[in-house]
Amino acid sequence: MKIVEFEDVSRVYENGEHRQRALDHVSLQLEEGKFVVVLGPSGAGKSTLLNLLGGLDSPTEGVIRVNGKDISTLTNNELADYRAATVGFVFQSYNLIPTLTVLENVALVKEIAQQALSSHEMLRAVGLEDHIHSFPSELSGGEQQRVSIARALAKNPKILLCDEPTGALDSETGVMVLKLLLSMARDMGKTIVIVTHNQNIAKMADVVVRVKNGRIQACEEQTNPLSVEEVDW
């Protein structure tokens, strides 16, 4: 079932007389439960696409539909409700609250997500069950990233948006996280959208979207994506 539809979407940023077209008349459809990888060089428009889908920004032109609902004209309060109910985020910045423990940081999602998953289970899934009482300052960068991933997964979103989710992780931990993300798509029907420069992650995708100069160059469905174990890391 179609869950995401971009229809002739553009995003233009203005700074005085300077206008930057970050996305240029983009049209895209994504099916529910797919593992989607968005590839492209820096400045191609990948993060803008992610921000628009996540309701962190609104298009200058065009329509964005999620589950059949037009989110492109929502008010700020309506977008906040959309983000709370539908979307999870994993960014390169961890956005952890320093005065809360690892467990408390993850458990925060229960305040906004009605169908939240177990915080303990999600921390166990990312290999941090022994650090639940630690504070962010006591963790490495990779461990903090895993906390942010556990928090996003605990929210139990329909769509999970990830910006270079394994960028701060060592190879072994990165593989573990990718297995978890794949499982969320394959076994739980979540739509996972990952922005990355890592071509290896694209080998596991159901759909690869290639972006350049604010436009979609290709949207390729892969009938036989590789498993994590089959990829040469």
Protein backbone atom coordinates (compact mmCIF):
# COMPACT_ATOMS: atom_id res chain seq x y z
CA MET A 1 0.00 0.00 0.00
CA LYS A 2 1.27 3.47 -0.89
CA ILE A 3 2.23 5.42 2.25
CA VAL A 4 4.21 8.40 0.88
CA GLU A 5 3.55 10.52 -2.19
CA PHE A 6 5.47 13.61 -3.29
CA GLU A 7 3.67 15.37 -6.15
CA ASP A 8 5.72 18.01 -8.00
CA VAL A 9 7.35 19.19 -4.75
CA SER A 10 9.83 22.07 -4.64
CA ARG A 11 11.53 23.76 -1.70
CA VAL A 12 13.12 27.17 -2.22
CA TYR A 13 15.08 28.95 0.51
CA GLU A 14 15.45 32.72 0.27
CA ASN A 15 18.15 34.86 1.86
CA GLY A 16 17.77 38.44 0.72
CA GLU A 17 17.99 38.36 -3.06
CA HIS A 18 19.54 34.90 -3.08
CA ARG A 19 17.20 31.98 -3.81
CA GLN A 20 18.34 28.38 -3.39
CA ARG A 21 16.15 25.65 -4.88
CA ALA A 22 16.95 22.70 -2.60
CA LEU A 23 14.32 20.48 -4.21
CA ASP A 24 13.15 21.01 -7.78
CA HIS A 25 9.75 19.58 -8.79
CA VAL A 26 10.22 16.19 -7.16
CA SER A 27 7.65 13.42 -7.56
CA LEU A 28 8.02 10.19 -5.61
CA GLN A 29 5.91 7.32 -4.28
CA LEU A 30 6.91 4.89 -1.53
CA GLU A 31 5.13 1.73 -0.44
CA GLU A 32 4.48 0.80 3.17
CA GLY A 33 6.95 -1.56 4.85
CA LYS A 34 9.86 -0.85 2.51
CA PHE A 35 13.53 -0.30 3.36
CA VAL A 36 14.37 2.81 1.33
CA VAL A 37 17.83 4.32 0.83
CA VAL A 38 18.31 7.84 -0.51
CA LEU A 39 21.72 8.39 -2.13
CA GLY A 40 23.36 11.51 -3.49
CA PRO A 41 26.27 13.92 -3.06
CA SER A 42 26.37 16.62 -0.41
CA GLY A 43 23.94 19.43 -1.22
CA ALA A 44 21.86 17.21 -3.49
CA GLY A 45 18.65 17.76 -1.50
CA LYS A 46 18.58 14.51 0.49
CA SER A 47 18.17 16.13 3.92
CA THR A 48 15.57 18.56 2.58
CA LEU A 49 13.54 15.62 1.30
CA LEU A 50 13.82 13.97 4.71
CA ASN A 51 12.80 17.15 6.55
CA LEU A 52 9.76 17.64 4.34
CA LEU A 53 8.61 14.06 4.84
CA GLY A 54 9.18 14.40 8.57
CA GLY A 55 7.09 17.55 8.85
CA LEU A 56 10.09 19.61 9.97
CA ASP A 57 9.67 21.84 6.92
CA SER A 58 6.94 22.63 4.39
CA PRO A 59 7.21 22.71 0.58
CA THR A 60 7.25 25.92 -1.40
CA GLU A 61 5.28 24.17 -4.14
CA GLY A 62 3.58 20.82 -4.58
CA VAL A 63 1.77 18.32 -2.38
CA ILE A 64 3.04 15.73 0.11
CA ARG A 65 0.64 12.99 1.15
CA VAL A 66 1.24 10.48 3.93
CA ASN A 67 -1.32 7.73 4.37
CA GLY A 68 -3.50 9.70 1.95
CA LYS A 69 -3.41 12.86 4.07
CA ASP A 70 -2.00 16.09 2.66
CA ILE A 71 0.64 17.28 5.15
CA SER A 72 1.96 20.10 2.95
CA THR A 73 -0.59 22.66 4.21
CA LEU A 74 -0.71 21.72 7.90
CA THR A 75 -0.24 24.35 10.59
CA ASN A 76 2.71 24.14 12.99
CA ASN A 77 0.50 22.54 15.66
CA GLU A 78 -0.89 20.04 13.17
CA LEU A 79 2.64 19.18 12.01
CA ALA A 80 3.65 18.60 15.65
CA ASP A 81 0.75 16.14 16.00
CA TYR A 82 1.78 14.45 12.75
CA ARG A 83 5.36 14.04 13.93
CA ALA A 84 4.21 12.65 17.27
CA ALA A 85 1.84 10.10 15.75
CA THR A 86 3.54 9.02 12.54
CA VAL A 87 7.26 9.72 12.26
CA GLY A 88 10.44 8.78 14.12
CA PHE A 89 13.81 10.45 13.58
CA VAL A 90 17.45 9.36 13.83
CA PHE A 91 19.75 12.30 13.10
CA GLN A 92 23.53 12.64 13.11
CA SER A 93 23.17 14.82 16.22
CA TYR A 94 22.01 12.68 19.10
CA ASN A 95 19.70 15.21 20.83
CA LEU A 96 19.91 13.43 24.18
CA ILE A 97 19.00 15.23 27.41
CA PRO A 98 22.22 15.28 29.49
CA THR A 99 20.49 15.28 32.89
CA LEU A 100 18.51 12.11 32.13
CA THR A 101 19.79 8.53 32.16
CA VAL A 102 19.87 6.40 29.04
CA LEU A 103 16.64 4.66 30.06
CA GLU A 104 14.92 7.96 30.89
CA ASN A 105 15.93 9.45 27.52
CA VAL A 106 14.33 6.54 25.68
CA ALA A 107 11.26 6.39 27.95
CA LEU A 108 10.44 10.02 27.08
CA VAL A 109 8.65 8.85 23.94
CA LYS A 110 5.87 7.34 26.06
CA GLU A 111 4.69 10.89 26.74
CA ILE A 112 3.91 11.51 23.04
CA ALA A 113 3.47 8.06 21.46
CA GLN A 114 0.37 6.04 22.28
CA GLN A 115 1.78 2.78 20.90
CA ALA A 116 5.28 3.06 22.38
CA LEU A 117 7.39 -0.08 22.65
CA SER A 118 9.34 -1.19 25.72
CA SER A 119 12.30 1.11 26.42
CA HIS A 120 14.19 -1.79 28.00
CA GLU A 121 13.60 -4.00 24.95
CA MET A 122 14.79 -1.35 22.49
CA LEU A 123 17.94 -0.69 24.51
CA ARG A 124 18.60 -4.42 24.64
CA ALA A 125 18.14 -4.56 20.85
CA VAL A 126 20.91 -2.00 20.32
CA GLY A 127 23.21 -3.66 22.86
CA LEU A 128 22.95 -1.11 25.67
CA GLU A 129 21.13 -3.08 28.35
CA ASP A 130 24.15 -2.68 30.66
CA HIS A 131 24.10 1.13 30.34
CA ILE A 132 20.50 1.98 31.19
CA HIS A 133 21.48 3.95 34.31
CA SER A 134 24.36 5.81 32.63
CA PHE A 135 24.17 9.45 31.59
CA PRO A 136 24.97 10.58 28.01
CA SER A 137 28.27 12.15 29.11
CA GLU A 138 29.44 8.71 30.26
CA LEU A 139 28.93 7.18 26.80
CA SER A 140 30.99 7.23 23.63
CA GLY A 141 29.63 8.93 20.52
CA GLY A 142 28.65 5.59 19.04
CA GLU A 143 26.81 4.59 22.21
CA GLN A 144 24.94 7.89 22.25
CA GLN A 145 23.90 7.28 18.66
CA ARG A 146 22.55 3.87 19.67
CA VAL A 147 20.50 5.51 22.42
CA SER A 148 18.99 7.89 19.87
CA ILE A 149 18.18 4.92 17.61
CA ALA A 150 16.58 3.01 20.51
CA ARG A 151 14.49 6.10 21.34
CA ALA A 152 13.29 6.43 17.75
CA LEU A 153 12.39 2.75 17.55
CA ALA A 154 10.62 2.82 20.93
CA LYS A 155 8.26 5.45 19.57
CA ASN A 156 6.96 2.71 17.23
CA PRO A 157 6.46 5.07 14.27
CA LYS A 158 4.89 4.15 10.94
CA ILE A 159 7.82 5.86 9.19
CA LEU A 160 11.38 6.02 10.52
CA LEU A 161 13.65 8.67 8.98
CA CYS A 162 17.39 8.17 9.42
CA ASP A 163 20.17 10.58 8.44
CA GLU A 164 23.45 8.60 8.30
CA PRO A 165 22.37 6.40 11.25
CA THR A 166 25.56 4.33 11.28
CA GLY A 167 27.99 7.19 10.62
CA ALA A 168 29.27 7.31 14.23
CA LEU A 169 29.30 3.54 14.75
CA ASP A 170 32.04 0.96 14.33
CA SER A 171 31.48 -1.73 11.71
CA GLU A 172 30.20 -4.40 14.10
CA THR A 173 27.73 -2.10 15.85
CA GLY A 174 26.63 -0.60 12.54
CA VAL A 175 25.74 -4.05 11.23
CA MET A 176 23.73 -4.75 14.40
CA VAL A 177 21.77 -1.52 13.97
CA LEU A 178 21.12 -2.20 10.29
CA LYS A 179 19.79 -5.66 11.14
CA LEU A 180 17.40 -4.05 13.59
CA LEU A 181 16.24 -1.47 11.04
CA LEU A 182 15.73 -4.16 8.40
CA SER A 183 13.71 -6.19 10.90
CA MET A 184 11.51 -3.17 11.58
CA ALA A 185 10.67 -3.07 7.87
CA ARG A 186 10.51 -6.80 7.10
CA ASP A 187 8.85 -8.08 10.28
CA MET A 188 6.90 -5.08 11.59
CA GLY A 189 5.88 -3.37 8.36
CA LYS A 190 7.59 -0.06 9.15
CA THR A 191 8.72 2.19 6.33
CA ILE A 192 12.42 2.96 6.86
CA VAL A 193 13.99 5.84 4.91
CA ILE A 194 17.75 6.21 5.23
CA VAL A 195 19.81 9.08 3.83
CA THR A 196 23.41 7.96 3.42
CA HIS A 197 26.57 8.14 1.34
CA ASN A 198 27.23 4.45 2.05
CA GLN A 199 26.70 2.45 -1.15
CA ASN A 200 26.78 -0.80 0.83
CA ILE A 201 23.60 0.11 2.71
CA ALA A 202 21.90 0.65 -0.65
CA LYS A 203 22.60 -2.98 -1.56
CA MET A 204 20.12 -4.04 1.15
CA ALA A 205 17.36 -1.65 0.11
CA ASP A 206 14.00 -2.50 -1.42
CA VAL A 207 14.09 0.90 -3.10
CA VAL A 208 17.07 3.14 -3.94
CA VAL A 209 16.33 6.82 -4.62
CA ARG A 210 19.16 8.76 -6.28
CA VAL A 211 19.10 12.53 -5.82
CA LYS A 212 21.25 15.15 -7.54
CA ASN A 213 20.90 18.93 -7.80
CA GLY A 214 17.54 18.85 -6.07
CA ARG A 215 16.03 16.36 -8.49
CA ILE A 216 15.41 12.63 -8.42
CA GLN A 217 17.67 11.03 -11.00
CA ALA A 218 16.33 7.52 -10.45
CA CYS A 219 14.03 5.52 -8.19
CA GLU A 220 14.99 1.86 -8.46
CA GLU A 221 13.21 -1.13 -6.98
CA GLN A 222 15.53 -4.03 -6.11
CA THR A 223 13.86 -7.41 -6.38
CA ASN A 224 16.62 -9.31 -4.54
CA PRO A 225 18.24 -7.00 -1.99
CA LEU A 226 21.16 -8.43 -0.05
CA SER A 227 20.99 -9.35 3.61
CA VAL A 228 23.32 -7.63 6.06
CA GLU A 229 25.48 -10.76 6.15
CA GLU A 230 25.88 -10.82 2.36
CA VAL A 231 27.29 -7.30 2.16
CA ASP A 232 31.08 -6.99 2.12
CA TRP A 233 31.69 -4.42 4.86
